[in-house]
Amino acid sequence: MTVGDIQAEQGSPQGQTALAKPGGDTLSAAPEQTRPAIGDPAADGPFTTRQLLRLDEALRVADRQTGLTFSVYIGEMETPSRAYAEKLQKQIEGADRAVLIAVSPNQRKLEIVTGNEARKRISDRDAKLAGLSMAAAFAGGDLAGGVLAGIDQLASHAGRH
């Protein structure tokens, strides 16, 4: 599905996120970027420390409530972006039960990739609705809020385990 230039699709086995571990920190793609200390501005990354903490908590809650693994990748994607997101998702431990939200703000791309088991609980329609909600927040300049909304909507559609 294409929303403006933002794409949201659900598909084959999940790709990998930039997370060090499922439910862990949301990181940008640039390995040289480091996470700021609490209280320091996150000048080099797309998120403030407070936003990173909120994203981390949202991922943990989604994992715990659904029994699925939610991950977020923020950074540049190779072309085609869908294939790249699927490749990333496959690298997640337990990829069959994983959900990846891959966002490239500079390329205006959004990919939602679910593993085989996760796909049974999150339909294409659900993923598209979450993608539309995220794209609306991104268009308003709220990257963190869009990602948080997407995690929440996808977890809600997946239901409790």
C-alpha atoms as a PDB file:
ATOM      1  CA  MET A   1       0.000   0.000   0.000  1.00  0.00           C
ATOM      2  CA  THR A   2       1.275   3.445  -0.801  1.00  0.00           C
ATOM      3  CA  VAL A   3       0.358   6.487   1.258  1.00  0.00           C
ATOM      4  CA  GLY A   4       1.901   9.408  -0.562  1.00  0.00           C
ATOM      5  CA  ASP A   5       5.475   8.222  -0.758  1.00  0.00           C
ATOM      6  CA  ILE A   6       5.154   6.219   2.461  1.00  0.00           C
ATOM      7  CA  GLN A   7       4.596   2.518   1.849  1.00  0.00           C
ATOM      8  CA  ALA A   8       3.033   0.129   4.344  1.00  0.00           C
ATOM      9  CA  GLU A   9       2.733  -3.514   3.484  1.00  0.00           C
ATOM     10  CA  GLN A  10       2.565  -6.806   5.253  1.00  0.00           C
ATOM     11  CA  GLY A  11       4.312  -9.757   3.747  1.00  0.00           C
ATOM     12  CA  SER A  12       6.606 -12.649   3.911  1.00  0.00           C
ATOM     13  CA  PRO A  13       8.840 -13.582   6.805  1.00  0.00           C
ATOM     14  CA  GLN A  14       9.864 -10.630   8.851  1.00  0.00           C
ATOM     15  CA  GLY A  15      12.954  -8.532   8.452  1.00  0.00           C
ATOM     16  CA  GLN A  16      15.401  -7.447  11.120  1.00  0.00           C
ATOM     17  CA  THR A  17      15.256  -4.318  13.132  1.00  0.00           C
ATOM     18  CA  ALA A  18      18.007  -2.110  14.375  1.00  0.00           C
ATOM     19  CA  LEU A  19      17.257  -3.307  17.865  1.00  0.00           C
ATOM     20  CA  ALA A  20      20.056  -4.947  19.780  1.00  0.00           C
ATOM     21  CA  LYS A  21      17.476  -7.450  21.041  1.00  0.00           C
ATOM     22  CA  PRO A  22      13.709  -7.794  20.808  1.00  0.00           C
ATOM     23  CA  GLY A  23      12.029  -5.281  23.068  1.00  0.00           C
ATOM     24  CA  GLY A  24      15.330  -3.483  23.418  1.00  0.00           C
ATOM     25  CA  ASP A  25      16.380  -0.003  22.416  1.00  0.00           C
ATOM     26  CA  THR A  26      15.290   1.528  19.143  1.00  0.00           C
ATOM     27  CA  LEU A  27      18.401   2.540  17.254  1.00  0.00           C
ATOM     28  CA  SER A  28      19.126   4.373  14.064  1.00  0.00           C
ATOM     29  CA  ALA A  29      20.887   2.571  11.250  1.00  0.00           C
ATOM     30  CA  ALA A  30      24.159   4.436  11.656  1.00  0.00           C
ATOM     31  CA  PRO A  31      26.420   2.230  13.793  1.00  0.00           C
ATOM     32  CA  GLU A  32      28.613   5.172  14.761  1.00  0.00           C
ATOM     33  CA  GLN A  33      25.624   6.852  16.387  1.00  0.00           C
ATOM     34  CA  THR A  34      25.562   6.302  20.099  1.00  0.00           C
ATOM     35  CA  ARG A  35      22.666   6.633  22.468  1.00  0.00           C
ATOM     36  CA  PRO A  36      22.842   9.758  24.616  1.00  0.00           C
ATOM     37  CA  ALA A  37      23.042   9.572  28.374  1.00  0.00           C
ATOM     38  CA  ILE A  38      19.857  10.281  30.317  1.00  0.00           C
ATOM     39  CA  GLY A  39      19.276  14.025  30.302  1.00  0.00           C
ATOM     40  CA  ASP A  40      21.513  14.700  27.295  1.00  0.00           C
ATOM     41  CA  PRO A  41      19.925  15.874  24.062  1.00  0.00           C
ATOM     42  CA  ALA A  42      19.850  13.223  21.356  1.00  0.00           C
ATOM     43  CA  ALA A  43      21.227  15.641  18.790  1.00  0.00           C
ATOM     44  CA  ASP A  44      22.658  12.980  16.467  1.00  0.00           C
ATOM     45  CA  GLY A  45      19.581  10.761  16.354  1.00  0.00           C
ATOM     46  CA  PRO A  46      15.992  11.227  15.320  1.00  0.00           C
ATOM     47  CA  PHE A  47      14.706  10.788  18.898  1.00  0.00           C
ATOM     48  CA  THR A  48      15.176  12.483  22.234  1.00  0.00           C
ATOM     49  CA  THR A  49      16.081  10.376  25.243  1.00  0.00           C
ATOM     50  CA  ARG A  50      12.500  10.634  26.501  1.00  0.00           C
ATOM     51  CA  GLN A  51      11.184   9.418  23.131  1.00  0.00           C
ATOM     52  CA  LEU A  52      13.630   6.499  23.133  1.00  0.00           C
ATOM     53  CA  LEU A  53      12.453   5.495  26.597  1.00  0.00           C
ATOM     54  CA  ARG A  54       8.798   5.686  25.507  1.00  0.00           C
ATOM     55  CA  LEU A  55       9.523   3.575  22.410  1.00  0.00           C
ATOM     56  CA  ASP A  56      11.436   1.034  24.485  1.00  0.00           C
ATOM     57  CA  GLU A  57       8.528   0.730  26.932  1.00  0.00           C
ATOM     58  CA  ALA A  58       5.979   0.447  24.100  1.00  0.00           C
ATOM     59  CA  LEU A  59       7.971  -2.406  22.559  1.00  0.00           C
ATOM     60  CA  ARG A  60       8.203  -4.229  25.886  1.00  0.00           C
ATOM     61  CA  VAL A  61       4.472  -3.859  26.556  1.00  0.00           C
ATOM     62  CA  ALA A  62       3.571  -5.024  23.044  1.00  0.00           C
ATOM     63  CA  ASP A  63       5.877  -8.056  23.375  1.00  0.00           C
ATOM     64  CA  ARG A  64       4.511  -8.966  26.794  1.00  0.00           C
ATOM     65  CA  GLN A  65       0.829  -8.519  25.932  1.00  0.00           C
ATOM     66  CA  THR A  66       0.847 -10.293  22.581  1.00  0.00           C
ATOM     67  CA  GLY A  67       3.572 -12.909  22.909  1.00  0.00           C
ATOM     68  CA  LEU A  68       4.958 -11.609  19.610  1.00  0.00           C
ATOM     69  CA  THR A  69       8.263  -9.786  19.141  1.00  0.00           C
ATOM     70  CA  PHE A  70       7.900  -6.174  18.012  1.00  0.00           C
ATOM     71  CA  SER A  71      10.926  -4.379  16.587  1.00  0.00           C
ATOM     72  CA  VAL A  72      11.618  -1.020  14.997  1.00  0.00           C
ATOM     73  CA  TYR A  73      14.248  -0.082  12.420  1.00  0.00           C
ATOM     74  CA  ILE A  74      14.866   3.607  11.674  1.00  0.00           C
ATOM     75  CA  GLY A  75      17.327   4.367   8.911  1.00  0.00           C
ATOM     76  CA  GLU A  76      18.100   4.192   5.232  1.00  0.00           C
ATOM     77  CA  MET A  77      16.808   1.175   3.332  1.00  0.00           C
ATOM     78  CA  GLU A  78      18.304  -0.408   0.263  1.00  0.00           C
ATOM     79  CA  THR A  79      16.203  -0.541  -2.884  1.00  0.00           C
ATOM     80  CA  PRO A  80      13.779  -2.200  -3.174  1.00  0.00           C
ATOM     81  CA  SER A  81      12.811  -1.226   0.360  1.00  0.00           C
ATOM     82  CA  ARG A  82      10.345  -4.100   0.808  1.00  0.00           C
ATOM     83  CA  ALA A  83      12.981  -6.734   0.097  1.00  0.00           C
ATOM     84  CA  TYR A  84      15.403  -4.966   2.423  1.00  0.00           C
ATOM     85  CA  ALA A  85      12.839  -4.852   5.247  1.00  0.00           C
ATOM     86  CA  GLU A  86      12.064  -8.552   4.746  1.00  0.00           C
ATOM     87  CA  LYS A  87      15.790  -9.314   4.921  1.00  0.00           C
ATOM     88  CA  LEU A  88      16.076  -7.359   8.164  1.00  0.00           C
ATOM     89  CA  GLN A  89      13.024  -9.097   9.628  1.00  0.00           C
ATOM     90  CA  LYS A  90      14.455 -12.551   8.935  1.00  0.00           C
ATOM     91  CA  GLN A  91      17.391 -11.670  11.207  1.00  0.00           C
ATOM     92  CA  ILE A  92      15.144 -11.237  14.256  1.00  0.00           C
ATOM     93  CA  GLU A  93      15.314 -14.117  16.692  1.00  0.00           C
ATOM     94  CA  GLY A  94      12.029 -16.021  16.385  1.00  0.00           C
ATOM     95  CA  ALA A  95      11.217 -14.275  13.095  1.00  0.00           C
ATOM     96  CA  ASP A  96       8.002 -16.268  12.613  1.00  0.00           C
ATOM     97  CA  ARG A  97       6.512 -14.506  15.645  1.00  0.00           C
ATOM     98  CA  ALA A  98       8.052 -11.103  14.938  1.00  0.00           C
ATOM     99  CA  VAL A  99       6.663  -7.807  13.661  1.00  0.00           C
ATOM    100  CA  LEU A 100       9.042  -5.272  12.144  1.00  0.00           C
ATOM    101  CA  ILE A 101       8.254  -1.612  11.588  1.00  0.00           C
ATOM    102  CA  ALA A 102      10.936  -0.233   9.254  1.00  0.00           C
ATOM    103  CA  VAL A 103      10.969   3.523   8.632  1.00  0.00           C
ATOM    104  CA  SER A 104      13.249   5.591   6.446  1.00  0.00           C
ATOM    105  CA  PRO A 105      12.279   9.228   7.021  1.00  0.00           C
ATOM    106  CA  ASN A 106      14.704  10.573   4.409  1.00  0.00           C
ATOM    107  CA  GLN A 107      13.405   8.171   1.743  1.00  0.00           C
ATOM    108  CA  ARG A 108       9.800   8.567   2.932  1.00  0.00           C
ATOM    109  CA  LYS A 109       9.397   4.793   3.214  1.00  0.00           C
ATOM    110  CA  LEU A 110       7.501   2.702   5.731  1.00  0.00           C
ATOM    111  CA  GLU A 111       7.404  -1.086   5.696  1.00  0.00           C
ATOM    112  CA  ILE A 112       5.561  -3.343   8.130  1.00  0.00           C
ATOM    113  CA  VAL A 113       6.726  -6.946   7.916  1.00  0.00           C
ATOM    114  CA  THR A 114       5.229  -9.834   9.863  1.00  0.00           C
ATOM    115  CA  GLY A 115       6.449 -13.387  10.296  1.00  0.00           C
ATOM    116  CA  ASN A 116       4.288 -16.400   9.466  1.00  0.00           C
ATOM    117  CA  GLU A 117       2.814 -16.772  12.972  1.00  0.00           C
ATOM    118  CA  ALA A 118       2.370 -13.037  13.505  1.00  0.00           C
ATOM    119  CA  ARG A 119       0.573 -12.781  10.147  1.00  0.00           C
ATOM    120  CA  LYS A 120      -2.145 -15.092  11.455  1.00  0.00           C
ATOM    121  CA  ARG A 121      -2.990 -12.468  14.079  1.00  0.00           C
ATOM    122  CA  ILE A 122      -2.322  -9.245  12.167  1.00  0.00           C
ATOM    123  CA  SER A 123      -4.099  -9.084   8.817  1.00  0.00           C
ATOM    124  CA  ASP A 124      -2.947  -7.080   5.819  1.00  0.00           C
ATOM    125  CA  ARG A 125      -5.853  -4.723   6.485  1.00  0.00           C
ATOM    126  CA  ASP A 126      -4.713  -4.204  10.092  1.00  0.00           C
ATOM    127  CA  ALA A 127      -1.163  -3.467   8.956  1.00  0.00           C
ATOM    128  CA  LYS A 128      -2.413  -1.020   6.327  1.00  0.00           C
ATOM    129  CA  LEU A 129      -4.544   0.829   8.881  1.00  0.00           C
ATOM    130  CA  ALA A 130      -1.560   1.087  11.225  1.00  0.00           C
ATOM    131  CA  GLY A 131       0.555   2.301   8.300  1.00  0.00           C
ATOM    132  CA  LEU A 132      -1.966   5.021   7.436  1.00  0.00           C
ATOM    133  CA  SER A 133      -2.022   6.204  11.040  1.00  0.00           C
ATOM    134  CA  MET A 134       1.764   6.264  11.173  1.00  0.00           C
ATOM    135  CA  ALA A 135       2.018   8.103   7.847  1.00  0.00           C
ATOM    136  CA  ALA A 136      -0.387  10.778   9.097  1.00  0.00           C
ATOM    137  CA  ALA A 137       1.783  11.367  12.182  1.00  0.00           C
ATOM    138  CA  PHE A 138       4.954  11.402  10.062  1.00  0.00           C
ATOM    139  CA  ALA A 139       3.403  13.977   7.723  1.00  0.00           C
ATOM    140  CA  GLY A 140       2.814  16.162  10.781  1.00  0.00           C
ATOM    141  CA  GLY A 141       6.487  15.851  11.737  1.00  0.00           C
ATOM    142  CA  ASP A 142       5.951  13.402  14.610  1.00  0.00           C
ATOM    143  CA  LEU A 143       8.249  10.446  13.931  1.00  0.00           C
ATOM    144  CA  ALA A 144       8.221   9.074  17.479  1.00  0.00           C
ATOM    145  CA  GLY A 145       4.472   9.523  17.871  1.00  0.00           C
ATOM    146  CA  GLY A 146       3.850   7.751  14.572  1.00  0.00           C
ATOM    147  CA  VAL A 147       5.992   4.782  15.547  1.00  0.00           C
ATOM    148  CA  LEU A 148       4.318   4.610  18.975  1.00  0.00           C
ATOM    149  CA  ALA A 149       0.875   4.684  17.350  1.00  0.00           C
ATOM    150  CA  GLY A 150       1.897   1.918  14.943  1.00  0.00           C
ATOM    151  CA  ILE A 151       3.196  -0.322  17.724  1.00  0.00           C
ATOM    152  CA  ASP A 152       0.022   0.239  19.734  1.00  0.00           C
ATOM    153  CA  GLN A 153      -2.331  -0.430  16.818  1.00  0.00           C
ATOM    154  CA  LEU A 154      -0.502  -3.540  15.650  1.00  0.00           C
ATOM    155  CA  ALA A 155      -0.373  -4.932  19.192  1.00  0.00           C
ATOM    156  CA  SER A 156      -4.075  -4.202  19.658  1.00  0.00           C
ATOM    157  CA  HIS A 157      -4.929  -6.048  16.444  1.00  0.00           C
ATOM    158  CA  ALA A 158      -2.733  -8.989  17.454  1.00  0.00           C
ATOM    159  CA  GLY A 159      -4.610  -9.306  20.748  1.00  0.00           C
ATOM    160  CA  ARG A 160      -3.408 -10.989  23.901  1.00  0.00           C
ATOM    161  CA  HIS A 161      -1.671 -14.333  23.886  1.00  0.00           C
END
